[in-house]
């Protein structure tokens, strides 16, 4: 559970978003063949994407 007011209790477990790493999520998803559109403010279906990087 996050402690917004006091700061992160587990900063070592935090993961940056793809956008924070400079990845264009819309372009990446489209190039991979996934349909992705901007969701209108009210209604519509939300898109959730994740990226797994292996070394």
PDB file of N, CA and C in Angstrom:
ATOM      1  N   UNK A   1       0.848  -1.174   0.000  1.00  0.00           N
ATOM      2  CA  UNK A   1       0.000   0.000   0.000  1.00  0.00           C
ATOM      3  C   UNK A   1       0.895   1.240   0.000  1.00  0.00           C
ATOM      4  N   UNK A   2       0.605   2.155  -0.880  1.00  0.00           N
ATOM      5  CA  UNK A   2       1.433   3.359  -1.020  1.00  0.00           C
ATOM      6  C   UNK A   2       1.147   4.371   0.084  1.00  0.00           C
ATOM      7  N   UNK A   3       2.205   5.064   0.491  1.00  0.00           N
ATOM      8  CA  UNK A   3       2.087   6.142   1.475  1.00  0.00           C
ATOM      9  C   UNK A   3       2.361   7.448   0.744  1.00  0.00           C
ATOM     10  N   UNK A   4       1.348   7.983   0.087  1.00  0.00           N
ATOM     11  CA  UNK A   4       1.515   9.167  -0.753  1.00  0.00           C
ATOM     12  C   UNK A   4       2.003  10.387   0.024  1.00  0.00           C
ATOM     13  N   UNK A   5       1.489  10.574   1.205  1.00  0.00           N
ATOM     14  CA  UNK A   5       1.805  11.778   1.970  1.00  0.00           C
ATOM     15  C   UNK A   5       3.207  11.746   2.583  1.00  0.00           C
ATOM     16  N   UNK A   6       3.705  10.559   2.917  1.00  0.00           N
ATOM     17  CA  UNK A   6       4.994  10.440   3.600  1.00  0.00           C
ATOM     18  C   UNK A   6       6.113   9.962   2.680  1.00  0.00           C
ATOM     19  N   UNK A   7       5.820   9.730   1.435  1.00  0.00           N
ATOM     20  CA  UNK A   7       6.835   9.215   0.521  1.00  0.00           C
ATOM     21  C   UNK A   7       6.768   7.699   0.414  1.00  0.00           C
ATOM     22  N   UNK A   8       7.445   7.173  -0.546  1.00  0.00           N
ATOM     23  CA  UNK A   8       7.395   5.741  -0.835  1.00  0.00           C
ATOM     24  C   UNK A   8       8.053   4.927   0.281  1.00  0.00           C
ATOM     25  N   UNK A   9       7.357   3.903   0.739  1.00  0.00           N
ATOM     26  CA  UNK A   9       7.900   3.021   1.774  1.00  0.00           C
ATOM     27  C   UNK A   9       8.916   2.035   1.201  1.00  0.00           C
ATOM     28  N   UNK A  10       8.788   1.742  -0.084  1.00  0.00           N
ATOM     29  CA  UNK A  10       9.655   0.751  -0.728  1.00  0.00           C
ATOM     30  C   UNK A  10      10.188   1.284  -2.057  1.00  0.00           C
ATOM     31  N   UNK A  11      11.026   2.309  -2.036  1.00  0.00           N
ATOM     32  CA  UNK A  11      11.523   2.869  -3.296  1.00  0.00           C
ATOM     33  C   UNK A  11      12.340   1.865  -4.109  1.00  0.00           C
ATOM     34  N   UNK A  12      12.891   0.854  -3.445  1.00  0.00           N
ATOM     35  CA  UNK A  12      13.667  -0.163  -4.149  1.00  0.00           C
ATOM     36  C   UNK A  12      12.790  -1.073  -5.003  1.00  0.00           C
ATOM     37  N   UNK A  13      11.488  -1.090  -4.756  1.00  0.00           N
ATOM     38  CA  UNK A  13      10.560  -1.910  -5.531  1.00  0.00           C
ATOM     39  C   UNK A  13       9.832  -1.115  -6.611  1.00  0.00           C
ATOM     40  N   UNK A  14      10.046   0.188  -6.651  1.00  0.00           N
ATOM     41  CA  UNK A  14       9.364   1.040  -7.628  1.00  0.00           C
ATOM     42  C   UNK A  14       9.861   0.735  -9.034  1.00  0.00           C
ATOM     43  N   UNK A  15       8.969   0.801 -10.002  1.00  0.00           N
ATOM     44  CA  UNK A  15       9.312   0.579 -11.401  1.00  0.00           C
ATOM     45  C   UNK A  15       8.874   1.794 -12.204  1.00  0.00           C
ATOM     46  N   UNK A  16       9.768   2.365 -12.999  1.00  0.00           N
ATOM     47  CA  UNK A  16       9.383   3.529 -13.804  1.00  0.00           C
ATOM     48  C   UNK A  16       8.435   3.111 -14.925  1.00  0.00           C
ATOM     49  N   UNK A  17       7.603   4.037 -15.332  1.00  0.00           N
ATOM     50  CA  UNK A  17       6.706   3.761 -16.451  1.00  0.00           C
ATOM     51  C   UNK A  17       7.496   3.752 -17.752  1.00  0.00           C
ATOM     52  N   UNK A  18       6.914   3.148 -18.786  1.00  0.00           N
ATOM     53  CA  UNK A  18       7.575   3.136 -20.094  1.00  0.00           C
ATOM     54  C   UNK A  18       7.784   4.560 -20.594  1.00  0.00           C
ATOM     55  N   UNK A  19       6.784   5.420 -20.387  1.00  0.00           N
ATOM     56  CA  UNK A  19       6.891   6.813 -20.825  1.00  0.00           C
ATOM     57  C   UNK A  19       8.039   7.527 -20.122  1.00  0.00           C
ATOM     58  N   UNK A  20       8.245   7.234 -18.839  1.00  0.00           N
ATOM     59  CA  UNK A  20       9.328   7.863 -18.085  1.00  0.00           C
ATOM     60  C   UNK A  20      10.700   7.445 -18.608  1.00  0.00           C
ATOM     61  N   UNK A  21      10.754   6.299 -19.276  1.00  0.00           N
ATOM     62  CA  UNK A  21      12.008   5.808 -19.867  1.00  0.00           C
ATOM     63  C   UNK A  21      12.181   6.277 -21.304  1.00  0.00           C
ATOM     64  N   UNK A  22      11.272   7.130 -21.775  1.00  0.00           N
ATOM     65  CA  UNK A  22      11.393   7.686 -23.123  1.00  0.00           C
ATOM     66  C   UNK A  22      10.801   6.818 -24.213  1.00  0.00           C
ATOM     67  N   UNK A  23       9.991   5.828 -23.854  1.00  0.00           N
ATOM     68  CA  UNK A  23       9.379   4.940 -24.845  1.00  0.00           C
ATOM     69  C   UNK A  23       8.053   5.532 -25.299  1.00  0.00           C
ATOM     70  N   UNK A  24       7.855   5.609 -26.604  1.00  0.00           N
ATOM     71  CA  UNK A  24       6.578   6.036 -27.173  1.00  0.00           C
ATOM     72  C   UNK A  24       5.675   4.803 -27.180  1.00  0.00           C
ATOM     73  N   UNK A  25       4.826   4.683 -26.173  1.00  0.00           N
ATOM     74  CA  UNK A  25       4.000   3.490 -25.998  1.00  0.00           C
ATOM     75  C   UNK A  25       3.032   3.310 -27.158  1.00  0.00           C
ATOM     76  N   UNK A  26       2.436   4.399 -27.632  1.00  0.00           N
ATOM     77  CA  UNK A  26       1.492   4.291 -28.743  1.00  0.00           C
ATOM     78  C   UNK A  26       2.188   3.749 -29.990  1.00  0.00           C
ATOM     79  N   UNK A  27       3.324   4.295 -30.317  1.00  0.00           N
ATOM     80  CA  UNK A  27       4.060   3.852 -31.504  1.00  0.00           C
ATOM     81  C   UNK A  27       4.528   2.403 -31.347  1.00  0.00           C
ATOM     82  N   UNK A  28       5.051   2.063 -30.186  1.00  0.00           N
ATOM     83  CA  UNK A  28       5.541   0.707 -29.935  1.00  0.00           C
ATOM     84  C   UNK A  28       4.413  -0.309 -30.046  1.00  0.00           C
ATOM     85  N   UNK A  29       3.257  -0.012 -29.444  1.00  0.00           N
ATOM     86  CA  UNK A  29       2.117  -0.928 -29.499  1.00  0.00           C
ATOM     87  C   UNK A  29       1.615  -1.090 -30.929  1.00  0.00           C
ATOM     88  N   UNK A  30       1.500   0.003 -31.652  1.00  0.00           N
ATOM     89  CA  UNK A  30       1.028  -0.069 -33.042  1.00  0.00           C
ATOM     90  C   UNK A  30       1.988  -0.863 -33.919  1.00  0.00           C
ATOM     91  N   UNK A  31       3.296  -0.647 -33.746  1.00  0.00           N
ATOM     92  CA  UNK A  31       4.275  -1.377 -34.552  1.00  0.00           C
ATOM     93  C   UNK A  31       4.281  -2.869 -34.221  1.00  0.00           C
ATOM     94  N   UNK A  32       3.838  -3.235 -33.018  1.00  0.00           N
ATOM     95  CA  UNK A  32       3.743  -4.639 -32.625  1.00  0.00           C
ATOM     96  C   UNK A  32       2.408  -5.251 -33.040  1.00  0.00           C
ATOM     97  N   UNK A  33       1.542  -4.446 -33.669  1.00  0.00           N
ATOM     98  CA  UNK A  33       0.267  -4.959 -34.168  1.00  0.00           C
ATOM     99  C   UNK A  33      -0.894  -4.875 -33.203  1.00  0.00           C
ATOM    100  N   UNK A  34      -0.725  -4.138 -32.109  1.00  0.00           N
ATOM    101  CA  UNK A  34      -1.816  -3.988 -31.152  1.00  0.00           C
ATOM    102  C   UNK A  34      -2.645  -2.756 -31.489  1.00  0.00           C
ATOM    103  N   UNK A  35      -3.979  -2.871 -31.424  1.00  0.00           N
ATOM    104  CA  UNK A  35      -4.813  -1.687 -31.638  1.00  0.00           C
ATOM    105  C   UNK A  35      -4.781  -0.816 -30.380  1.00  0.00           C
ATOM    106  N   UNK A  36      -4.443   0.432 -30.541  1.00  0.00           N
ATOM    107  CA  UNK A  36      -4.385   1.350 -29.400  1.00  0.00           C
ATOM    108  C   UNK A  36      -4.860   2.714 -29.868  1.00  0.00           C
ATOM    109  N   UNK A  37      -5.761   3.308 -29.100  1.00  0.00           N
ATOM    110  CA  UNK A  37      -6.307   4.625 -29.410  1.00  0.00           C
ATOM    111  C   UNK A  37      -6.387   5.432 -28.122  1.00  0.00           C
ATOM    112  N   UNK A  38      -6.435   6.742 -28.265  1.00  0.00           N
ATOM    113  CA  UNK A  38      -6.632   7.610 -27.110  1.00  0.00           C
ATOM    114  C   UNK A  38      -8.060   7.405 -26.625  1.00  0.00           C
ATOM    115  N   UNK A  39      -8.224   7.192 -25.336  1.00  0.00           N
ATOM    116  CA  UNK A  39      -9.547   6.952 -24.769  1.00  0.00           C
ATOM    117  C   UNK A  39     -10.236   8.289 -24.556  1.00  0.00           C
ATOM    118  N   UNK A  40     -11.502   8.422 -24.990  1.00  0.00           N
ATOM    119  CA  UNK A  40     -12.234   9.662 -24.736  1.00  0.00           C
ATOM    120  C   UNK A  40     -12.389   9.889 -23.225  1.00  0.00           C
ATOM    121  N   UNK A  41     -12.545  11.154 -22.803  1.00  0.00           N
ATOM    122  CA  UNK A  41     -12.648  11.452 -21.371  1.00  0.00           C
ATOM    123  C   UNK A  41     -13.737  10.665 -20.646  1.00  0.00           C
ATOM    124  N   UNK A  42     -14.866  10.453 -21.294  1.00  0.00           N
ATOM    125  CA  UNK A  42     -15.952   9.712 -20.650  1.00  0.00           C
ATOM    126  C   UNK A  42     -16.291   8.490 -21.484  1.00  0.00           C
ATOM    127  N   UNK A  43     -16.218   7.339 -20.875  1.00  0.00           N
ATOM    128  CA  UNK A  43     -16.543   6.105 -21.571  1.00  0.00           C
ATOM    129  C   UNK A  43     -15.363   5.590 -22.368  1.00  0.00           C
ATOM    130  N   UNK A  44     -15.622   4.563 -23.142  1.00  0.00           N
ATOM    131  CA  UNK A  44     -14.551   3.987 -23.940  1.00  0.00           C
ATOM    132  C   UNK A  44     -13.820   2.899 -23.172  1.00  0.00           C
ATOM    133  N   UNK A  45     -13.026   2.164 -23.883  1.00  0.00           N
ATOM    134  CA  UNK A  45     -12.280   1.061 -23.294  1.00  0.00           C
ATOM    135  C   UNK A  45     -10.833   1.491 -23.081  1.00  0.00           C
ATOM    136  N   UNK A  46     -10.319   1.240 -21.906  1.00  0.00           N
ATOM    137  CA  UNK A  46      -8.934   1.590 -21.608  1.00  0.00           C
ATOM    138  C   UNK A  46      -8.003   0.499 -22.115  1.00  0.00           C
ATOM    139  N   UNK A  47      -6.818   0.901 -22.530  1.00  0.00           N
ATOM    140  CA  UNK A  47      -5.795  -0.036 -22.971  1.00  0.00           C
ATOM    141  C   UNK A  47      -4.718  -0.124 -21.899  1.00  0.00           C
ATOM    142  N   UNK A  48      -4.295  -1.326 -21.576  1.00  0.00           N
ATOM    143  CA  UNK A  48      -3.194  -1.529 -20.636  1.00  0.00           C
ATOM    144  C   UNK A  48      -2.103  -2.316 -21.345  1.00  0.00           C
ATOM    145  N   UNK A  49      -0.877  -1.822 -21.292  1.00  0.00           N
ATOM    146  CA  UNK A  49       0.254  -2.483 -21.923  1.00  0.00           C
ATOM    147  C   UNK A  49       1.405  -2.558 -20.939  1.00  0.00           C
ATOM    148  N   UNK A  50       2.185  -3.610 -21.066  1.00  0.00           N
ATOM    149  CA  UNK A  50       3.384  -3.779 -20.247  1.00  0.00           C
ATOM    150  C   UNK A  50       4.526  -4.165 -21.170  1.00  0.00           C
ATOM    151  N   UNK A  51       5.730  -3.978 -20.706  1.00  0.00           N
ATOM    152  CA  UNK A  51       6.912  -4.300 -21.494  1.00  0.00           C
ATOM    153  C   UNK A  51       7.859  -5.103 -20.620  1.00  0.00           C
ATOM    154  N   UNK A  52       8.260  -6.256 -21.111  1.00  0.00           N
ATOM    155  CA  UNK A  52       9.188  -7.112 -20.389  1.00  0.00           C
ATOM    156  C   UNK A  52      10.528  -7.061 -21.100  1.00  0.00           C
ATOM    157  N   UNK A  53      11.545  -6.603 -20.404  1.00  0.00           N
ATOM    158  CA  UNK A  53      12.891  -6.513 -20.967  1.00  0.00           C
ATOM    159  C   UNK A  53      13.773  -7.557 -20.297  1.00  0.00           C
ATOM    160  N   UNK A  54      14.423  -8.368 -21.091  1.00  0.00           N
ATOM    161  CA  UNK A  54      15.314  -9.407 -20.570  1.00  0.00           C
ATOM    162  C   UNK A  54      16.731  -9.141 -21.015  1.00  0.00           C
ATOM    163  N   UNK A  55      17.660  -9.418 -20.151  1.00  0.00           N
ATOM    164  CA  UNK A  55      19.064  -9.219 -20.493  1.00  0.00           C
ATOM    165  C   UNK A  55      19.746 -10.561 -20.639  1.00  0.00           C
TER     166      UNK A  55
END
